[in-house]
């Protein structure tokens, strides 16, 4: 004959605290990992063209030469050369 099981002590847990939440935690971790990978790839891929555009803008800005106005109206509004 099998021994009789005793009732658990009051306050003792009979079910683990994360019972049933393992699947939700795994899904959330996968979603976060995919999101991080997407943002890293998006940031790495787009940086090249933006960096080239910024470099071209900086080079054009620091050329130091000003174009002479070709129109009479532009000449009247242009600042005097220093």
C-alpha atoms as a PDB file:
ATOM      1  CA  UNK A   1       0.000   0.000   0.000  1.00  0.00           C
ATOM      2  CA  UNK A   2       1.280   3.473  -0.897  1.00  0.00           C
ATOM      3  CA  UNK A   3       1.923   5.867   1.908  1.00  0.00           C
ATOM      4  CA  UNK A   4      -0.612   8.649   2.315  1.00  0.00           C
ATOM      5  CA  UNK A   5       0.532  12.020   1.062  1.00  0.00           C
ATOM      6  CA  UNK A   6       0.633  14.754   3.581  1.00  0.00           C
ATOM      7  CA  UNK A   7      -0.904  18.143   2.913  1.00  0.00           C
ATOM      8  CA  UNK A   8       1.608  20.916   2.211  1.00  0.00           C
ATOM      9  CA  UNK A   9       2.356  23.331   4.977  1.00  0.00           C
ATOM     10  CA  UNK A  10       0.362  26.544   4.918  1.00  0.00           C
ATOM     11  CA  UNK A  11       2.074  29.164   2.770  1.00  0.00           C
ATOM     12  CA  UNK A  12       4.190  26.695   0.814  1.00  0.00           C
ATOM     13  CA  UNK A  13       4.101  27.089  -2.956  1.00  0.00           C
ATOM     14  CA  UNK A  14       2.902  24.139  -4.947  1.00  0.00           C
ATOM     15  CA  UNK A  15       3.348  25.844  -8.349  1.00  0.00           C
ATOM     16  CA  UNK A  16       6.587  27.522  -9.451  1.00  0.00           C
ATOM     17  CA  UNK A  17       6.362  31.336  -9.550  1.00  0.00           C
ATOM     18  CA  UNK A  18       7.034  31.538 -13.315  1.00  0.00           C
ATOM     19  CA  UNK A  19       4.771  28.666 -14.313  1.00  0.00           C
ATOM     20  CA  UNK A  20       3.365  29.388 -17.763  1.00  0.00           C
ATOM     21  CA  UNK A  21       5.428  32.563 -18.238  1.00  0.00           C
ATOM     22  CA  UNK A  22       8.415  30.867 -19.832  1.00  0.00           C
ATOM     23  CA  UNK A  23       6.830  30.991 -23.297  1.00  0.00           C
ATOM     24  CA  UNK A  24       5.986  34.689 -22.950  1.00  0.00           C
ATOM     25  CA  UNK A  25       9.514  35.470 -21.724  1.00  0.00           C
ATOM     26  CA  UNK A  26      11.072  33.598 -24.666  1.00  0.00           C
ATOM     27  CA  UNK A  27       8.849  35.429 -27.165  1.00  0.00           C
ATOM     28  CA  UNK A  28       9.720  38.796 -25.609  1.00  0.00           C
ATOM     29  CA  UNK A  29      13.442  38.009 -25.707  1.00  0.00           C
ATOM     30  CA  UNK A  30      13.212  37.023 -29.377  1.00  0.00           C
ATOM     31  CA  UNK A  31      11.324  40.227 -30.230  1.00  0.00           C
ATOM     32  CA  UNK A  32      13.895  42.359 -28.405  1.00  0.00           C
ATOM     33  CA  UNK A  33      16.782  40.550 -30.128  1.00  0.00           C
ATOM     34  CA  UNK A  34      15.207  41.053 -33.566  1.00  0.00           C
ATOM     35  CA  UNK A  35      14.558  44.737 -32.829  1.00  0.00           C
ATOM     36  CA  UNK A  36      18.161  45.311 -31.708  1.00  0.00           C
ATOM     37  CA  UNK A  37      19.497  43.539 -34.803  1.00  0.00           C
ATOM     38  CA  UNK A  38      17.215  45.621 -37.059  1.00  0.00           C
ATOM     39  CA  UNK A  39      18.321  48.914 -35.512  1.00  0.00           C
ATOM     40  CA  UNK A  40      21.991  47.968 -35.724  1.00  0.00           C
ATOM     41  CA  UNK A  41      21.720  46.998 -39.389  1.00  0.00           C
ATOM     42  CA  UNK A  42      19.666  50.089 -40.228  1.00  0.00           C
ATOM     43  CA  UNK A  43      22.152  52.387 -38.513  1.00  0.00           C
ATOM     44  CA  UNK A  44      25.151  50.738 -40.162  1.00  0.00           C
ATOM     45  CA  UNK A  45      23.654  50.736 -43.657  1.00  0.00           C
ATOM     46  CA  UNK A  46      22.435  54.318 -43.730  1.00  0.00           C
ATOM     47  CA  UNK A  47      25.535  55.882 -42.220  1.00  0.00           C
ATOM     48  CA  UNK A  48      27.659  55.652 -45.358  1.00  0.00           C
ATOM     49  CA  UNK A  49      25.489  57.846 -47.573  1.00  0.00           C
ATOM     50  CA  UNK A  50      24.750  60.385 -44.851  1.00  0.00           C
ATOM     51  CA  UNK A  51      28.432  60.650 -43.997  1.00  0.00           C
ATOM     52  CA  UNK A  52      29.300  61.259 -47.658  1.00  0.00           C
ATOM     53  CA  UNK A  53      26.614  63.936 -47.951  1.00  0.00           C
ATOM     54  CA  UNK A  54      27.833  65.633 -44.778  1.00  0.00           C
ATOM     55  CA  UNK A  55      31.443  65.534 -45.973  1.00  0.00           C
ATOM     56  CA  UNK A  56      30.463  67.064 -49.327  1.00  0.00           C
ATOM     57  CA  UNK A  57      28.524  69.804 -47.545  1.00  0.00           C
ATOM     58  CA  UNK A  58      31.482  70.578 -45.276  1.00  0.00           C
ATOM     59  CA  UNK A  59      33.891  70.714 -48.206  1.00  0.00           C
ATOM     60  CA  UNK A  60      31.600  73.056 -50.146  1.00  0.00           C
ATOM     61  CA  UNK A  61      31.145  75.254 -47.100  1.00  0.00           C
ATOM     62  CA  UNK A  62      34.833  75.566 -46.320  1.00  0.00           C
ATOM     63  CA  UNK A  63      36.022  76.307 -49.855  1.00  0.00           C
ATOM     64  CA  UNK A  64      36.537  79.964 -48.882  1.00  0.00           C
ATOM     65  CA  UNK A  65      35.720  81.381 -52.307  1.00  0.00           C
ATOM     66  CA  UNK A  66      32.589  83.341 -52.906  1.00  0.00           C
ATOM     67  CA  UNK A  67      30.978  83.394 -56.297  1.00  0.00           C
ATOM     68  CA  UNK A  68      30.696  86.748 -57.990  1.00  0.00           C
ATOM     69  CA  UNK A  69      27.094  87.742 -58.705  1.00  0.00           C
ATOM     70  CA  UNK A  70      26.215  87.382 -62.376  1.00  0.00           C
ATOM     71  CA  UNK A  71      22.950  89.293 -62.301  1.00  0.00           C
ATOM     72  CA  UNK A  72      22.626  93.050 -61.785  1.00  0.00           C
ATOM     73  CA  UNK A  73      20.001  92.567 -59.083  1.00  0.00           C
ATOM     74  CA  UNK A  74      22.303  90.109 -57.268  1.00  0.00           C
ATOM     75  CA  UNK A  75      25.197  92.591 -57.486  1.00  0.00           C
ATOM     76  CA  UNK A  76      23.183  95.269 -55.705  1.00  0.00           C
ATOM     77  CA  UNK A  77      22.364  92.921 -52.839  1.00  0.00           C
ATOM     78  CA  UNK A  78      25.783  91.306 -52.564  1.00  0.00           C
ATOM     79  CA  UNK A  79      28.047  92.364 -49.678  1.00  0.00           C
ATOM     80  CA  UNK A  80      31.120  94.405 -50.503  1.00  0.00           C
ATOM     81  CA  UNK A  81      34.342  92.365 -50.811  1.00  0.00           C
ATOM     82  CA  UNK A  82      36.704  92.692 -47.904  1.00  0.00           C
END
